[in-house]
């Protein structure tokens, strides 16, 4: 199955995220996410393209408020038609706390989005725990976190 990723850096801090690494990581993550279907309806198998928009916290807060009635910034928003919004501000902030590159954090958000598109939900604690374990495992395969 062929799927194309389109990555657009619309954030206010261009260059913070390695777009090539994000593109390659998305390509690598796709088949791994497909192997892990969730319990709910999957849109991932029918999509031909996924558009990834790297945006600032104010932009993602606007999208969050408009579509989810929560006007606060969040890390990632996924729409079932294959449009994904990733906050580079959040990725930068969280990556500092976890001592890894912002690009790796942004890739984690993309893996999370792909799992949502493949039928995973994270509102219920048990489903959230399973989803996080799967996304961490996939990220470790495509961008290993060095042992300390």
N, C-alpha and C. Protein backbone atom coordinates (compact mmCIF):
# COMPACT_ATOMS: atom_id res chain seq x y z
N UNK A 1 0.85 -1.18 0.00
CA UNK A 1 0.00 0.00 0.00
C UNK A 1 0.89 1.24 0.00
N UNK A 2 0.61 2.15 -0.89
CA UNK A 2 1.41 3.36 -1.01
C UNK A 2 0.66 4.53 -0.37
N UNK A 3 1.34 5.21 0.52
CA UNK A 3 0.77 6.38 1.18
C UNK A 3 1.80 7.49 1.09
N UNK A 4 1.36 8.68 0.74
CA UNK A 4 2.27 9.82 0.66
C UNK A 4 2.04 10.75 1.83
N UNK A 5 3.14 11.19 2.43
CA UNK A 5 3.09 12.17 3.50
C UNK A 5 3.52 13.52 2.94
N UNK A 6 2.78 14.54 3.27
CA UNK A 6 3.15 15.91 2.93
C UNK A 6 3.37 16.66 4.24
N UNK A 7 4.58 17.12 4.45
CA UNK A 7 4.92 17.83 5.69
C UNK A 7 5.09 19.30 5.37
N UNK A 8 4.33 20.15 6.06
CA UNK A 8 4.39 21.60 5.87
C UNK A 8 4.81 22.25 7.19
N UNK A 9 5.87 23.03 7.15
CA UNK A 9 6.30 23.75 8.35
C UNK A 9 5.68 25.13 8.34
N UNK A 10 4.61 25.28 9.07
CA UNK A 10 3.91 26.56 9.18
C UNK A 10 4.14 27.19 10.55
N UNK A 11 5.11 26.63 11.28
CA UNK A 11 5.39 27.15 12.62
C UNK A 11 6.14 28.47 12.52
N UNK A 12 6.24 29.13 13.62
CA UNK A 12 6.94 30.42 13.66
C UNK A 12 8.44 30.24 13.91
N UNK A 13 8.86 29.02 14.12
CA UNK A 13 10.27 28.74 14.43
C UNK A 13 10.84 27.77 13.40
N UNK A 14 10.84 28.16 12.15
CA UNK A 14 11.35 27.31 11.08
C UNK A 14 12.76 26.82 11.39
N UNK A 15 13.03 25.59 11.03
CA UNK A 15 14.33 25.00 11.26
C UNK A 15 14.46 24.25 12.57
N UNK A 16 13.49 24.40 13.46
CA UNK A 16 13.54 23.69 14.74
C UNK A 16 13.37 22.19 14.52
N UNK A 17 12.54 21.83 13.56
CA UNK A 17 12.23 20.43 13.26
C UNK A 17 12.95 20.04 11.98
N UNK A 18 13.61 18.90 12.01
CA UNK A 18 14.29 18.37 10.83
C UNK A 18 13.23 17.73 9.92
N UNK A 19 12.84 18.44 8.88
CA UNK A 19 11.74 17.99 8.01
C UNK A 19 12.06 16.69 7.31
N UNK A 20 13.29 16.51 6.87
CA UNK A 20 13.68 15.27 6.18
C UNK A 20 13.58 14.09 7.15
N UNK A 21 14.05 14.27 8.37
CA UNK A 21 13.97 13.21 9.37
C UNK A 21 12.51 12.88 9.69
N UNK A 22 11.69 13.91 9.74
CA UNK A 22 10.27 13.72 10.02
C UNK A 22 9.58 12.98 8.87
N UNK A 23 9.91 13.36 7.65
CA UNK A 23 9.36 12.70 6.46
C UNK A 23 9.77 11.23 6.44
N UNK A 24 11.07 10.96 6.61
CA UNK A 24 11.56 9.58 6.60
C UNK A 24 10.97 8.77 7.75
N UNK A 25 10.89 9.38 8.92
CA UNK A 25 10.31 8.69 10.07
C UNK A 25 8.84 8.36 9.87
N UNK A 26 8.12 9.26 9.24
CA UNK A 26 6.70 9.01 8.95
C UNK A 26 6.55 7.84 7.99
N UNK A 27 7.40 7.82 6.96
CA UNK A 27 7.39 6.71 6.00
C UNK A 27 7.68 5.39 6.69
N UNK A 28 8.63 5.38 7.63
CA UNK A 28 8.99 4.16 8.35
C UNK A 28 7.89 3.75 9.34
N UNK A 29 7.25 4.73 9.95
CA UNK A 29 6.24 4.44 10.96
C UNK A 29 4.96 3.87 10.37
N UNK A 30 4.63 4.28 9.16
CA UNK A 30 3.35 3.90 8.56
C UNK A 30 3.10 2.39 8.58
N UNK A 31 4.01 1.54 8.02
CA UNK A 31 3.71 0.10 8.04
C UNK A 31 3.67 -0.48 9.45
N UNK A 32 4.47 0.07 10.35
CA UNK A 32 4.46 -0.42 11.73
C UNK A 32 3.14 -0.09 12.42
N UNK A 33 2.59 1.08 12.12
CA UNK A 33 1.29 1.45 12.68
C UNK A 33 0.17 0.61 12.07
N UNK A 34 0.28 0.32 10.78
CA UNK A 34 -0.73 -0.52 10.12
C UNK A 34 -0.81 -1.91 10.75
N UNK A 35 0.33 -2.41 11.24
CA UNK A 35 0.38 -3.73 11.87
C UNK A 35 -0.33 -3.76 13.22
N UNK A 36 -0.67 -2.60 13.76
CA UNK A 36 -1.26 -2.51 15.10
C UNK A 36 -2.63 -1.82 15.06
N UNK A 37 -3.63 -2.49 14.46
CA UNK A 37 -4.96 -1.86 14.40
C UNK A 37 -5.58 -1.73 15.79
N UNK A 38 -6.34 -0.66 15.96
CA UNK A 38 -7.05 -0.44 17.22
C UNK A 38 -8.41 -1.11 17.20
N UNK A 39 -9.18 -0.87 18.24
CA UNK A 39 -10.49 -1.50 18.39
C UNK A 39 -11.59 -0.77 17.63
N UNK A 40 -11.29 0.41 17.13
CA UNK A 40 -12.30 1.25 16.51
C UNK A 40 -12.07 1.33 15.00
N UNK A 41 -12.97 1.99 14.32
CA UNK A 41 -12.89 2.11 12.86
C UNK A 41 -11.57 2.74 12.43
N UNK A 42 -10.98 2.17 11.38
CA UNK A 42 -9.70 2.66 10.86
C UNK A 42 -9.89 3.38 9.54
N UNK A 43 -9.35 4.58 9.46
CA UNK A 43 -9.32 5.33 8.20
C UNK A 43 -7.98 5.15 7.49
N UNK A 44 -6.98 4.69 8.22
CA UNK A 44 -5.60 4.66 7.72
C UNK A 44 -5.45 3.84 6.45
N UNK A 45 -6.11 2.70 6.38
CA UNK A 45 -5.95 1.82 5.22
C UNK A 45 -6.52 2.41 3.94
N UNK A 46 -7.46 3.32 4.05
CA UNK A 46 -8.09 3.87 2.85
C UNK A 46 -7.49 5.21 2.41
N UNK A 47 -6.62 5.78 3.21
CA UNK A 47 -6.04 7.08 2.86
C UNK A 47 -4.94 6.94 1.82
N UNK A 48 -4.87 7.90 0.93
CA UNK A 48 -3.80 7.96 -0.08
C UNK A 48 -2.71 8.95 0.33
N UNK A 49 -3.12 9.97 1.10
CA UNK A 49 -2.16 10.98 1.56
C UNK A 49 -2.47 11.36 3.00
N UNK A 50 -1.44 11.79 3.68
CA UNK A 50 -1.59 12.38 5.01
C UNK A 50 -0.83 13.70 4.98
N UNK A 51 -1.52 14.75 5.37
CA UNK A 51 -0.92 16.08 5.40
C UNK A 51 -0.57 16.42 6.85
N UNK A 52 0.71 16.66 7.08
CA UNK A 52 1.19 16.99 8.42
C UNK A 52 1.54 18.47 8.44
N UNK A 53 0.86 19.21 9.29
CA UNK A 53 1.06 20.65 9.42
C UNK A 53 1.78 20.94 10.73
N UNK A 54 3.00 21.43 10.65
CA UNK A 54 3.74 21.83 11.83
C UNK A 54 3.36 23.27 12.14
N UNK A 55 2.80 23.48 13.32
CA UNK A 55 2.25 24.80 13.65
C UNK A 55 2.69 25.22 15.05
N UNK A 56 2.44 26.48 15.37
CA UNK A 56 2.76 27.03 16.69
C UNK A 56 1.63 26.71 17.68
N UNK A 57 1.90 26.94 18.96
CA UNK A 57 0.87 26.73 19.98
C UNK A 57 -0.38 27.59 19.74
N UNK A 58 -0.24 28.88 19.38
CA UNK A 58 -1.46 29.66 19.12
C UNK A 58 -2.32 29.09 17.98
N UNK A 59 -1.67 28.58 16.95
CA UNK A 59 -2.43 28.01 15.82
C UNK A 59 -3.13 26.73 16.24
N UNK A 60 -2.41 25.84 16.92
CA UNK A 60 -3.04 24.57 17.31
C UNK A 60 -4.13 24.82 18.36
N UNK A 61 -3.96 25.84 19.21
CA UNK A 61 -5.01 26.19 20.17
C UNK A 61 -6.27 26.65 19.45
N UNK A 62 -6.08 27.39 18.36
CA UNK A 62 -7.23 27.84 17.57
C UNK A 62 -7.96 26.65 16.95
N UNK A 63 -7.21 25.72 16.37
CA UNK A 63 -7.81 24.51 15.77
C UNK A 63 -8.50 23.69 16.86
N UNK A 64 -7.84 23.54 17.99
CA UNK A 64 -8.38 22.78 19.12
C UNK A 64 -9.70 23.40 19.59
N UNK A 65 -9.75 24.71 19.68
CA UNK A 65 -10.97 25.39 20.10
C UNK A 65 -12.08 25.28 19.07
N UNK A 66 -11.70 25.44 17.81
CA UNK A 66 -12.70 25.43 16.73
C UNK A 66 -13.35 24.06 16.56
N UNK A 67 -12.56 22.99 16.65
CA UNK A 67 -13.09 21.66 16.34
C UNK A 67 -13.35 20.78 17.56
N UNK A 68 -12.76 21.12 18.71
CA UNK A 68 -12.91 20.27 19.89
C UNK A 68 -13.38 21.05 21.11
N UNK A 69 -13.74 22.30 20.89
CA UNK A 69 -14.29 23.15 21.94
C UNK A 69 -13.36 23.27 23.15
N UNK A 70 -12.05 23.26 22.90
CA UNK A 70 -11.05 23.43 23.95
C UNK A 70 -9.98 24.37 23.41
N UNK A 71 -9.98 25.63 23.81
CA UNK A 71 -9.09 26.61 23.20
C UNK A 71 -7.66 26.62 23.75
N UNK A 72 -7.21 25.50 24.29
CA UNK A 72 -5.85 25.43 24.82
C UNK A 72 -4.94 24.72 23.82
N UNK A 73 -3.63 25.01 23.88
CA UNK A 73 -2.70 24.28 23.01
C UNK A 73 -2.66 22.80 23.39
N UNK A 74 -2.36 21.98 22.42
CA UNK A 74 -2.18 20.55 22.63
C UNK A 74 -1.03 20.10 21.74
N UNK A 75 -0.60 18.86 21.87
CA UNK A 75 0.55 18.38 21.10
C UNK A 75 0.20 18.05 19.66
N UNK A 76 -0.90 17.33 19.46
CA UNK A 76 -1.25 16.88 18.10
C UNK A 76 -2.77 16.76 17.98
N UNK A 77 -3.27 17.10 16.81
CA UNK A 77 -4.69 16.93 16.48
C UNK A 77 -4.76 16.16 15.18
N UNK A 78 -5.59 15.13 15.17
CA UNK A 78 -5.72 14.24 14.02
C UNK A 78 -7.15 14.28 13.50
N UNK A 79 -7.28 14.50 12.21
CA UNK A 79 -8.59 14.43 11.56
C UNK A 79 -8.63 13.17 10.70
N UNK A 80 -9.78 12.50 10.71
CA UNK A 80 -9.91 11.21 10.04
C UNK A 80 -9.71 11.27 8.53
N UNK A 81 -9.78 12.44 7.94
CA UNK A 81 -9.53 12.55 6.49
C UNK A 81 -8.03 12.65 6.18
N UNK A 82 -7.18 12.53 7.22
CA UNK A 82 -5.74 12.48 7.00
C UNK A 82 -5.00 13.78 7.19
N UNK A 83 -5.62 14.72 7.86
CA UNK A 83 -4.94 15.98 8.16
C UNK A 83 -4.51 15.97 9.62
N UNK A 84 -3.24 16.28 9.85
CA UNK A 84 -2.65 16.23 11.19
C UNK A 84 -2.00 17.58 11.49
N UNK A 85 -2.23 18.08 12.69
CA UNK A 85 -1.58 19.30 13.16
C UNK A 85 -0.66 18.93 14.32
N UNK A 86 0.60 19.35 14.24
CA UNK A 86 1.60 19.07 15.27
C UNK A 86 2.11 20.41 15.80
N UNK A 87 2.11 20.58 17.10
CA UNK A 87 2.64 21.81 17.70
C UNK A 87 4.15 21.69 17.88
N UNK A 88 4.89 22.53 17.15
CA UNK A 88 6.35 22.54 17.31
C UNK A 88 6.74 23.19 18.64
N UNK A 89 5.93 24.13 19.12
CA UNK A 89 6.22 24.73 20.43
C UNK A 89 6.15 23.67 21.52
N UNK A 90 5.11 22.86 21.48
CA UNK A 90 4.96 21.79 22.47
C UNK A 90 6.07 20.76 22.31
N UNK A 91 6.39 20.40 21.08
CA UNK A 91 7.47 19.44 20.85
C UNK A 91 8.79 19.96 21.42
N UNK A 92 9.08 21.23 21.22
CA UNK A 92 10.32 21.82 21.74
C UNK A 92 10.33 21.80 23.27
N UNK A 93 9.22 22.18 23.86
CA UNK A 93 9.13 22.25 25.32
C UNK A 93 9.27 20.85 25.94
N UNK A 94 8.53 19.89 25.42
CA UNK A 94 8.54 18.54 25.99
C UNK A 94 9.89 17.87 25.73
N UNK A 95 10.48 18.10 24.56
CA UNK A 95 11.77 17.48 24.25
C UNK A 95 12.86 17.96 25.21
N UNK A 96 12.80 19.21 25.62
CA UNK A 96 13.78 19.72 26.61
C UNK A 96 13.61 18.96 27.92
N UNK A 97 12.37 18.73 28.32
CA UNK A 97 12.11 18.02 29.57
C UNK A 97 12.57 16.57 29.52
N UNK A 98 12.57 15.97 28.32
CA UNK A 98 12.94 14.57 28.17
C UNK A 98 14.33 14.38 27.55
N UNK A 99 15.02 15.48 27.33
CA UNK A 99 16.40 15.47 26.84
C UNK A 99 16.57 14.70 25.52
N UNK A 100 15.72 15.02 24.55
CA UNK A 100 15.89 14.50 23.20
C UNK A 100 15.50 15.59 22.20
N UNK A 101 15.83 15.40 20.93
CA UNK A 101 15.58 16.45 19.94
C UNK A 101 14.09 16.72 19.71
N UNK A 102 13.73 17.97 19.41
CA UNK A 102 12.34 18.30 19.10
C UNK A 102 11.78 17.49 17.94
N UNK A 103 12.64 17.14 16.99
CA UNK A 103 12.18 16.34 15.84
C UNK A 103 11.70 14.96 16.28
N UNK A 104 12.38 14.37 17.27
CA UNK A 104 11.96 13.06 17.77
C UNK A 104 10.60 13.17 18.47
N UNK A 105 10.42 14.23 19.23
CA UNK A 105 9.13 14.45 19.91
C UNK A 105 8.02 14.65 18.89
N UNK A 106 8.30 15.44 17.84
CA UNK A 106 7.30 15.66 16.79
C UNK A 106 6.97 14.35 16.08
N UNK A 107 7.97 13.50 15.88
CA UNK A 107 7.72 12.20 15.25
C UNK A 107 6.84 11.33 16.15
N UNK A 108 7.04 11.41 17.45
CA UNK A 108 6.16 10.69 18.38
C UNK A 108 4.71 11.13 18.18
N UNK A 109 4.49 12.42 18.00
CA UNK A 109 3.13 12.93 17.78
C UNK A 109 2.55 12.40 16.47
N UNK A 110 3.39 12.25 15.46
CA UNK A 110 2.93 11.71 14.18
C UNK A 110 2.56 10.24 14.32
N UNK A 111 3.38 9.47 15.04
CA UNK A 111 3.05 8.07 15.30
C UNK A 111 1.71 8.00 16.04
N UNK A 112 1.53 8.85 17.02
CA UNK A 112 0.28 8.91 17.77
C UNK A 112 -0.90 9.17 16.82
N UNK A 113 -0.71 10.11 15.90
CA UNK A 113 -1.76 10.43 14.92
C UNK A 113 -2.06 9.24 14.02
N UNK A 114 -1.02 8.55 13.57
CA UNK A 114 -1.22 7.38 12.71
C UNK A 114 -2.00 6.29 13.45
N UNK A 115 -1.71 6.12 14.72
CA UNK A 115 -2.45 5.12 15.50
C UNK A 115 -3.92 5.53 15.67
N UNK A 116 -4.17 6.82 15.86
CA UNK A 116 -5.56 7.29 15.88
C UNK A 116 -6.24 6.95 14.55
N UNK A 117 -5.55 7.20 13.46
CA UNK A 117 -6.12 6.92 12.14
C UNK A 117 -6.33 5.42 11.92
N UNK A 118 -5.63 4.60 12.70
CA UNK A 118 -5.76 3.15 12.58
C UNK A 118 -6.67 2.56 13.66
N UNK A 119 -7.53 3.39 14.24
CA UNK A 119 -8.56 2.87 15.13
C UNK A 119 -8.25 2.89 16.61
N UNK A 120 -7.17 3.53 17.02
CA UNK A 120 -6.86 3.64 18.44
C UNK A 120 -7.50 4.90 19.01
N UNK A 121 -8.00 4.77 20.23
CA UNK A 121 -8.54 5.92 20.97
C UNK A 121 -7.76 6.03 22.27
N UNK A 122 -7.78 7.21 22.87
CA UNK A 122 -7.04 7.39 24.12
C UNK A 122 -7.84 8.11 25.20
N UNK A 123 -9.16 8.08 25.11
CA UNK A 123 -9.98 8.71 26.14
C UNK A 123 -10.12 7.82 27.38
N UNK A 124 -10.17 6.51 27.17
CA UNK A 124 -10.31 5.55 28.28
C UNK A 124 -8.91 5.16 28.73
N UNK A 125 -8.64 5.18 30.05
CA UNK A 125 -7.28 4.90 30.54
C UNK A 125 -6.64 3.62 29.99
N UNK A 126 -7.37 2.53 29.92
CA UNK A 126 -6.79 1.27 29.43
C UNK A 126 -6.38 1.39 27.96
N UNK A 127 -7.23 2.03 27.15
CA UNK A 127 -6.90 2.21 25.73
C UNK A 127 -5.73 3.18 25.58
N UNK A 128 -5.69 4.21 26.42
CA UNK A 128 -4.60 5.18 26.38
C UNK A 128 -3.27 4.50 26.71
N UNK A 129 -3.27 3.66 27.75
CA UNK A 129 -2.04 2.95 28.14
C UNK A 129 -1.54 2.06 27.02
N UNK A 130 -2.47 1.33 26.39
CA UNK A 130 -2.08 0.46 25.29
C UNK A 130 -1.54 1.27 24.11
N UNK A 131 -2.22 2.35 23.78
CA UNK A 131 -1.80 3.19 22.66
C UNK A 131 -0.41 3.78 22.92
N UNK A 132 -0.18 4.25 24.13
CA UNK A 132 1.13 4.84 24.45
C UNK A 132 2.23 3.79 24.40
N UNK A 133 1.95 2.58 24.85
CA UNK A 133 2.95 1.51 24.78
C UNK A 133 3.29 1.19 23.33
N UNK A 134 2.28 1.13 22.47
CA UNK A 134 2.51 0.85 21.05
C UNK A 134 3.29 1.98 20.40
N UNK A 135 2.91 3.23 20.66
CA UNK A 135 3.61 4.35 20.02
C UNK A 135 5.05 4.43 20.49
N UNK A 136 5.30 4.16 21.77
CA UNK A 136 6.68 4.19 22.27
C UNK A 136 7.52 3.10 21.63
N UNK A 137 6.93 1.92 21.45
CA UNK A 137 7.62 0.81 20.81
C UNK A 137 7.95 1.13 19.35
N UNK A 138 7.00 1.71 18.64
CA UNK A 138 7.23 2.07 17.23
C UNK A 138 8.30 3.15 17.14
N UNK A 139 8.21 4.17 17.98
CA UNK A 139 9.21 5.24 17.94
C UNK A 139 10.60 4.69 18.23
N UNK A 140 10.70 3.78 19.18
CA UNK A 140 12.00 3.20 19.53
C UNK A 140 12.59 2.43 18.34
N UNK A 141 11.74 1.83 17.51
CA UNK A 141 12.23 1.11 16.33
C UNK A 141 12.73 2.06 15.25
N UNK A 142 12.07 3.20 15.08
CA UNK A 142 12.45 4.08 13.97
C UNK A 142 13.41 5.18 14.39
N UNK A 143 13.47 5.50 15.67
CA UNK A 143 14.42 6.50 16.17
C UNK A 143 14.79 6.10 17.59
N UNK A 144 15.71 5.14 17.72
CA UNK A 144 16.07 4.64 19.05
C UNK A 144 16.55 5.75 19.98
N UNK A 145 16.08 5.68 21.19
CA UNK A 145 16.52 6.62 22.22
C UNK A 145 17.75 6.01 22.86
N UNK A 146 18.88 6.72 22.85
CA UNK A 146 20.11 6.13 23.41
C UNK A 146 19.95 5.80 24.89
N UNK A 147 20.55 4.69 25.26
CA UNK A 147 20.57 4.30 26.67
C UNK A 147 21.49 5.25 27.42
N UNK A 148 21.11 5.61 28.64
CA UNK A 148 22.01 6.50 29.40
C UNK A 148 22.91 5.71 30.31
